[in-house]
Amino acid sequence: MNRENIASGAPWEDMAAYSRAVKVGNVIYVSGTTGTDGEGKVTGDAYTQATQTIKNIATALEKAGASLEQVVRTRIFITNIDDWQEVSRAHREAFNAIRPATTLLQVAGLIDPTMLVEIEAEAVISEA
């Protein structure tokens, strides 16, 4: 099996022994990702966090040799179901032409109470 682990450098990766993304063959699995900025902080409303989260997913995909265009599935976790439209707006802006399969769920909370949204993604790179 050809496996490549992709790290983002976040401290939680070592603490919990996980990778930001894992590429196996032509499939990339992106772990639950939040709107952490370059300084390790999460700020803003649900839309702002979702937008940053998708940027962070795009960065992980780029490291694995892919882009948002190859995403076939997303899973969205939000802490307040009332935020679903704003989070969906950010998702639509990034994936409107791509239309991945997706699930949106409300959860009791995320690892940091300032985090309002977390998104997982799966991508498939076409075999040329």
N, C-alpha and C. Protein backbone atom coordinates (compact mmCIF):
# COMPACT_ATOMS: atom_id res chain seq x y z
N MET A 1 0.84 -1.18 0.00
CA MET A 1 0.00 0.00 0.00
C MET A 1 0.89 1.24 0.00
N ASN A 2 0.63 2.13 -0.92
CA ASN A 2 1.35 3.40 -1.01
C ASN A 2 0.63 4.44 -0.16
N ARG A 3 1.22 4.79 0.99
CA ARG A 3 0.58 5.68 1.96
C ARG A 3 1.49 6.87 2.23
N GLU A 4 0.90 8.07 2.25
CA GLU A 4 1.63 9.28 2.58
C GLU A 4 0.84 10.06 3.63
N ASN A 5 1.49 10.35 4.76
CA ASN A 5 0.87 11.17 5.79
C ASN A 5 1.25 12.63 5.56
N ILE A 6 0.27 13.52 5.64
CA ILE A 6 0.49 14.94 5.43
C ILE A 6 0.20 15.66 6.74
N ALA A 7 1.16 16.44 7.21
CA ALA A 7 1.01 17.18 8.47
C ALA A 7 0.78 18.66 8.19
N SER A 8 0.10 19.31 9.12
CA SER A 8 -0.08 20.76 9.02
C SER A 8 0.82 21.49 10.00
N GLY A 9 1.35 20.75 10.97
CA GLY A 9 2.19 21.36 11.99
C GLY A 9 1.42 21.75 13.24
N ALA A 10 0.12 21.50 13.26
CA ALA A 10 -0.68 21.81 14.45
C ALA A 10 -0.23 20.93 15.61
N PRO A 11 -0.18 21.47 16.81
CA PRO A 11 0.30 20.69 17.95
C PRO A 11 -0.57 19.48 18.27
N TRP A 12 -1.84 19.54 17.90
CA TRP A 12 -2.75 18.43 18.21
C TRP A 12 -2.40 17.18 17.44
N GLU A 13 -1.73 17.31 16.30
CA GLU A 13 -1.40 16.13 15.51
C GLU A 13 -0.49 15.18 16.28
N ASP A 14 0.52 15.72 16.94
CA ASP A 14 1.39 14.86 17.75
C ASP A 14 0.69 14.40 19.02
N MET A 15 -0.09 15.29 19.63
CA MET A 15 -0.77 14.96 20.87
C MET A 15 -1.74 13.79 20.70
N ALA A 16 -2.43 13.75 19.56
CA ALA A 16 -3.44 12.72 19.33
C ALA A 16 -3.02 11.67 18.31
N ALA A 17 -1.80 11.80 17.79
CA ALA A 17 -1.25 10.84 16.82
C ALA A 17 -2.13 10.71 15.58
N TYR A 18 -2.33 11.83 14.91
CA TYR A 18 -3.07 11.80 13.65
C TYR A 18 -2.39 12.69 12.63
N SER A 19 -2.82 12.57 11.39
CA SER A 19 -2.30 13.38 10.30
C SER A 19 -3.41 14.31 9.81
N ARG A 20 -3.02 15.47 9.32
CA ARG A 20 -4.02 16.39 8.73
C ARG A 20 -4.70 15.70 7.56
N ALA A 21 -3.91 14.97 6.78
CA ALA A 21 -4.47 14.21 5.66
C ALA A 21 -3.64 12.96 5.46
N VAL A 22 -4.27 11.98 4.86
CA VAL A 22 -3.58 10.74 4.50
C VAL A 22 -3.94 10.44 3.06
N LYS A 23 -2.90 10.22 2.26
CA LYS A 23 -3.09 9.86 0.85
C LYS A 23 -2.75 8.39 0.69
N VAL A 24 -3.71 7.64 0.17
CA VAL A 24 -3.52 6.22 -0.11
C VAL A 24 -3.90 6.02 -1.56
N GLY A 25 -2.88 5.72 -2.37
CA GLY A 25 -3.13 5.60 -3.80
C GLY A 25 -3.61 6.92 -4.36
N ASN A 26 -4.78 6.93 -4.95
CA ASN A 26 -5.31 8.17 -5.53
C ASN A 26 -6.42 8.80 -4.67
N VAL A 27 -6.55 8.35 -3.42
CA VAL A 27 -7.56 8.88 -2.51
C VAL A 27 -6.88 9.64 -1.38
N ILE A 28 -7.44 10.81 -1.06
CA ILE A 28 -6.93 11.63 0.04
C ILE A 28 -8.04 11.82 1.06
N TYR A 29 -7.73 11.50 2.31
CA TYR A 29 -8.65 11.67 3.42
C TYR A 29 -8.15 12.84 4.26
N VAL A 30 -8.95 13.89 4.39
CA VAL A 30 -8.56 15.05 5.20
C VAL A 30 -9.30 14.97 6.53
N SER A 31 -8.54 14.98 7.61
CA SER A 31 -9.11 14.92 8.96
C SER A 31 -10.03 16.10 9.21
N GLY A 32 -10.82 15.98 10.27
CA GLY A 32 -11.63 17.11 10.70
C GLY A 32 -10.75 18.34 10.85
N THR A 33 -11.13 19.41 10.18
CA THR A 33 -10.32 20.61 10.08
C THR A 33 -11.15 21.79 10.56
N THR A 34 -10.50 22.69 11.30
CA THR A 34 -11.18 23.87 11.80
C THR A 34 -10.60 25.13 11.16
N GLY A 35 -11.13 26.26 11.53
CA GLY A 35 -10.74 27.54 10.97
C GLY A 35 -9.54 28.16 11.64
N THR A 36 -8.58 27.36 12.04
CA THR A 36 -7.37 27.86 12.68
C THR A 36 -6.58 28.68 11.68
N ASP A 37 -6.18 29.88 12.10
CA ASP A 37 -5.40 30.74 11.20
C ASP A 37 -3.91 30.43 11.33
N GLY A 38 -3.07 31.19 10.66
CA GLY A 38 -1.63 30.97 10.67
C GLY A 38 -0.98 31.12 12.03
N GLU A 39 -1.68 31.76 12.96
CA GLU A 39 -1.16 31.94 14.32
C GLU A 39 -1.74 30.92 15.29
N GLY A 40 -2.52 29.97 14.77
CA GLY A 40 -3.10 28.95 15.63
C GLY A 40 -4.36 29.38 16.36
N LYS A 41 -4.98 30.47 15.90
CA LYS A 41 -6.17 30.98 16.57
C LYS A 41 -7.40 30.78 15.68
N VAL A 42 -8.54 30.66 16.34
CA VAL A 42 -9.81 30.57 15.64
C VAL A 42 -10.64 31.76 16.08
N THR A 43 -11.05 32.57 15.12
CA THR A 43 -11.86 33.75 15.42
C THR A 43 -12.98 33.88 14.41
N GLY A 44 -13.93 34.72 14.73
CA GLY A 44 -14.99 35.03 13.78
C GLY A 44 -16.23 34.19 13.96
N ASP A 45 -17.23 34.52 13.14
CA ASP A 45 -18.50 33.82 13.16
C ASP A 45 -18.38 32.50 12.38
N ALA A 46 -19.50 31.80 12.29
CA ALA A 46 -19.49 30.48 11.65
C ALA A 46 -19.10 30.57 10.18
N TYR A 47 -19.57 31.60 9.47
CA TYR A 47 -19.21 31.76 8.06
C TYR A 47 -17.71 31.97 7.91
N THR A 48 -17.15 32.87 8.70
CA THR A 48 -15.71 33.17 8.64
C THR A 48 -14.90 31.92 8.96
N GLN A 49 -15.31 31.19 9.99
CA GLN A 49 -14.58 29.97 10.36
C GLN A 49 -14.70 28.91 9.27
N ALA A 50 -15.88 28.76 8.69
CA ALA A 50 -16.05 27.76 7.63
C ALA A 50 -15.19 28.10 6.42
N THR A 51 -15.13 29.39 6.08
CA THR A 51 -14.30 29.82 4.95
C THR A 51 -12.83 29.51 5.21
N GLN A 52 -12.33 29.81 6.42
CA GLN A 52 -10.94 29.51 6.76
C GLN A 52 -10.71 28.00 6.80
N THR A 53 -11.68 27.26 7.30
CA THR A 53 -11.57 25.81 7.35
C THR A 53 -11.37 25.24 5.95
N ILE A 54 -12.16 25.71 5.01
CA ILE A 54 -12.04 25.22 3.63
C ILE A 54 -10.69 25.60 3.03
N LYS A 55 -10.18 26.78 3.36
CA LYS A 55 -8.84 27.17 2.92
C LYS A 55 -7.80 26.20 3.50
N ASN A 56 -7.97 25.83 4.77
CA ASN A 56 -7.04 24.89 5.40
C ASN A 56 -7.12 23.51 4.75
N ILE A 57 -8.31 23.10 4.38
CA ILE A 57 -8.47 21.83 3.66
C ILE A 57 -7.78 21.91 2.31
N ALA A 58 -7.96 23.03 1.62
CA ALA A 58 -7.30 23.21 0.31
C ALA A 58 -5.79 23.12 0.44
N THR A 59 -5.24 23.68 1.51
CA THR A 59 -3.79 23.61 1.74
C THR A 59 -3.34 22.17 1.93
N ALA A 60 -4.08 21.41 2.71
CA ALA A 60 -3.74 19.99 2.93
C ALA A 60 -3.82 19.22 1.61
N LEU A 61 -4.85 19.50 0.83
CA LEU A 61 -4.99 18.81 -0.46
C LEU A 61 -3.84 19.16 -1.40
N GLU A 62 -3.44 20.42 -1.41
CA GLU A 62 -2.32 20.83 -2.26
C GLU A 62 -1.04 20.09 -1.89
N LYS A 63 -0.81 19.92 -0.59
CA LYS A 63 0.38 19.17 -0.14
C LYS A 63 0.34 17.72 -0.62
N ALA A 64 -0.88 17.21 -0.84
CA ALA A 64 -1.05 15.83 -1.29
C ALA A 64 -1.17 15.73 -2.81
N GLY A 65 -1.03 16.87 -3.50
CA GLY A 65 -1.10 16.86 -4.95
C GLY A 65 -2.49 16.95 -5.52
N ALA A 66 -3.41 17.53 -4.77
CA ALA A 66 -4.80 17.65 -5.23
C ALA A 66 -5.31 19.06 -4.98
N SER A 67 -6.59 19.25 -5.24
CA SER A 67 -7.23 20.54 -5.01
C SER A 67 -8.68 20.31 -4.62
N LEU A 68 -9.38 21.37 -4.31
CA LEU A 68 -10.79 21.25 -3.95
C LEU A 68 -11.61 20.61 -5.06
N GLU A 69 -11.17 20.77 -6.31
CA GLU A 69 -11.91 20.21 -7.43
C GLU A 69 -12.01 18.68 -7.37
N GLN A 70 -11.10 18.03 -6.66
CA GLN A 70 -11.14 16.57 -6.55
C GLN A 70 -11.94 16.07 -5.34
N VAL A 71 -12.50 16.97 -4.55
CA VAL A 71 -13.26 16.57 -3.36
C VAL A 71 -14.56 15.88 -3.79
N VAL A 72 -14.79 14.70 -3.24
CA VAL A 72 -16.00 13.94 -3.55
C VAL A 72 -16.95 13.86 -2.36
N ARG A 73 -16.45 14.18 -1.16
CA ARG A 73 -17.29 14.10 0.04
C ARG A 73 -16.79 15.07 1.09
N THR A 74 -17.74 15.72 1.76
CA THR A 74 -17.42 16.52 2.95
C THR A 74 -18.38 16.12 4.06
N ARG A 75 -17.89 16.29 5.28
CA ARG A 75 -18.73 16.12 6.48
C ARG A 75 -18.54 17.38 7.30
N ILE A 76 -19.64 18.02 7.61
CA ILE A 76 -19.60 19.30 8.32
C ILE A 76 -20.20 19.11 9.71
N PHE A 77 -19.47 19.55 10.71
CA PHE A 77 -19.92 19.48 12.10
C PHE A 77 -20.02 20.92 12.62
N ILE A 78 -21.20 21.30 13.12
CA ILE A 78 -21.37 22.64 13.66
C ILE A 78 -21.92 22.54 15.09
N THR A 79 -21.57 23.52 15.90
CA THR A 79 -22.00 23.49 17.30
C THR A 79 -23.36 24.13 17.51
N ASN A 80 -23.85 24.88 16.52
CA ASN A 80 -25.16 25.53 16.64
C ASN A 80 -25.88 25.36 15.31
N ILE A 81 -26.95 24.60 15.30
CA ILE A 81 -27.66 24.32 14.06
C ILE A 81 -28.18 25.60 13.40
N ASP A 82 -28.36 26.66 14.16
CA ASP A 82 -28.79 27.93 13.57
C ASP A 82 -27.75 28.52 12.62
N ASP A 83 -26.52 28.03 12.69
CA ASP A 83 -25.45 28.51 11.80
C ASP A 83 -25.41 27.77 10.47
N TRP A 84 -26.33 26.84 10.25
CA TRP A 84 -26.22 25.98 9.07
C TRP A 84 -26.24 26.77 7.76
N GLN A 85 -27.01 27.85 7.69
CA GLN A 85 -27.07 28.58 6.43
C GLN A 85 -25.77 29.33 6.13
N GLU A 86 -25.16 29.90 7.14
CA GLU A 86 -23.90 30.61 6.93
C GLU A 86 -22.76 29.65 6.60
N VAL A 87 -22.74 28.51 7.25
CA VAL A 87 -21.73 27.49 6.94
C VAL A 87 -21.98 26.93 5.54
N SER A 88 -23.24 26.72 5.20
CA SER A 88 -23.58 26.24 3.86
C SER A 88 -23.20 27.27 2.80
N ARG A 89 -23.32 28.55 3.11
CA ARG A 89 -22.91 29.59 2.15
C ARG A 89 -21.42 29.47 1.85
N ALA A 90 -20.60 29.29 2.88
CA ALA A 90 -19.15 29.13 2.67
C ALA A 90 -18.88 27.87 1.86
N HIS A 91 -19.58 26.79 2.16
CA HIS A 91 -19.42 25.53 1.43
C HIS A 91 -19.81 25.73 -0.03
N ARG A 92 -20.93 26.40 -0.27
CA ARG A 92 -21.39 26.65 -1.64
C ARG A 92 -20.37 27.48 -2.42
N GLU A 93 -19.80 28.50 -1.79
CA GLU A 93 -18.82 29.35 -2.47
C GLU A 93 -17.60 28.54 -2.93
N ALA A 94 -17.21 27.56 -2.14
CA ALA A 94 -16.03 26.75 -2.48
C ALA A 94 -16.36 25.58 -3.41
N PHE A 95 -17.55 25.02 -3.27
CA PHE A 95 -17.85 23.75 -3.93
C PHE A 95 -19.04 23.82 -4.90
N ASN A 96 -19.50 24.98 -5.27
CA ASN A 96 -20.70 25.11 -6.08
C ASN A 96 -20.63 24.29 -7.38
N ALA A 97 -19.53 24.38 -8.08
CA ALA A 97 -19.39 23.65 -9.34
C ALA A 97 -18.99 22.19 -9.13
N ILE A 98 -18.52 21.86 -7.94
CA ILE A 98 -17.99 20.53 -7.65
C ILE A 98 -19.08 19.60 -7.12
N ARG A 99 -19.90 20.13 -6.23
CA ARG A 99 -21.05 19.42 -5.67
C ARG A 99 -20.69 18.07 -5.03
N PRO A 100 -19.79 18.05 -4.02
CA PRO A 100 -19.48 16.77 -3.38
C PRO A 100 -20.67 16.26 -2.58
N ALA A 101 -20.69 14.99 -2.32
CA ALA A 101 -21.65 14.45 -1.35
C ALA A 101 -21.30 15.07 -0.01
N THR A 102 -22.29 15.37 0.80
CA THR A 102 -21.98 16.03 2.07
C THR A 102 -22.99 15.67 3.14
N THR A 103 -22.57 15.84 4.37
CA THR A 103 -23.41 15.65 5.54
C THR A 103 -23.16 16.84 6.45
N LEU A 104 -24.21 17.38 7.06
CA LEU A 104 -24.06 18.47 8.03
C LEU A 104 -24.75 18.04 9.32
N LEU A 105 -24.00 18.07 10.41
CA LEU A 105 -24.50 17.62 11.70
C LEU A 105 -24.24 18.67 12.77
N GLN A 106 -25.14 18.75 13.73
CA GLN A 106 -24.86 19.55 14.93
C GLN A 106 -24.22 18.63 15.96
N VAL A 107 -23.17 19.14 16.61
CA VAL A 107 -22.49 18.40 17.66
C VAL A 107 -22.54 19.21 18.95
N ALA A 108 -22.33 18.55 20.07
CA ALA A 108 -22.40 19.22 21.37
C ALA A 108 -21.28 20.23 21.55
N GLY A 109 -20.14 19.96 20.95
CA GLY A 109 -19.02 20.88 21.08
C GLY A 109 -17.82 20.34 20.35
N LEU A 110 -16.85 21.24 20.14
CA LEU A 110 -15.58 20.87 19.54
C LEU A 110 -14.49 21.03 20.58
N ILE A 111 -13.25 20.71 20.24
CA ILE A 111 -12.17 20.66 21.22
C ILE A 111 -11.90 22.00 21.90
N ASP A 112 -12.23 23.10 21.21
CA ASP A 112 -12.05 24.45 21.75
C ASP A 112 -13.41 25.15 21.64
N PRO A 113 -13.88 25.76 22.72
CA PRO A 113 -15.22 26.38 22.68
C PRO A 113 -15.35 27.53 21.69
N THR A 114 -14.25 28.08 21.19
CA THR A 114 -14.34 29.14 20.19
C THR A 114 -14.57 28.57 18.79
N MET A 115 -14.38 27.27 18.64
CA MET A 115 -14.58 26.62 17.34
C MET A 115 -16.06 26.33 17.14
N LEU A 116 -16.59 26.81 16.02
CA LEU A 116 -18.00 26.65 15.70
C LEU A 116 -18.26 25.63 14.60
N VAL A 117 -17.22 25.31 13.83
CA VAL A 117 -17.38 24.41 12.69
C VAL A 117 -16.11 23.58 12.48
N GLU A 118 -16.30 22.35 12.07
CA GLU A 118 -15.20 21.45 11.70
C GLU A 118 -15.67 20.69 10.45
N ILE A 119 -14.75 20.53 9.51
CA ILE A 119 -15.11 19.87 8.25
C ILE A 119 -14.07 18.81 7.90
N GLU A 120 -14.56 17.65 7.50
CA GLU A 120 -13.72 16.57 6.93
C GLU A 120 -13.92 16.57 5.43
N ALA A 121 -12.95 16.06 4.70
CA ALA A 121 -13.09 15.97 3.25
C ALA A 121 -12.39 14.72 2.73
N GLU A 122 -12.90 14.22 1.62
CA GLU A 122 -12.27 13.11 0.92
C GLU A 122 -12.17 13.52 -0.54
N ALA A 123 -11.01 13.25 -1.13
CA ALA A 123 -10.78 13.61 -2.53
C ALA A 123 -10.23 12.41 -3.29
N VAL A 124 -10.53 12.37 -4.56
CA VAL A 124 -10.02 11.32 -5.43
C VAL A 124 -9.32 12.00 -6.60
N ILE A 125 -8.07 11.64 -6.78
CA ILE A 125 -7.31 12.16 -7.91
C ILE A 125 -7.52 11.22 -9.08
N SER A 126 -7.94 11.75 -10.19
CA SER A 126 -8.18 10.93 -11.38
C SER A 126 -6.90 10.23 -11.80
N GLU A 127 -7.03 9.00 -12.18
CA GLU A 127 -5.89 8.25 -12.68
C GLU A 127 -5.79 8.50 -14.16
N ALA A 128 -4.69 9.16 -14.54
CA ALA A 128 -4.53 9.50 -15.98
C ALA A 128 -3.99 8.34 -16.74
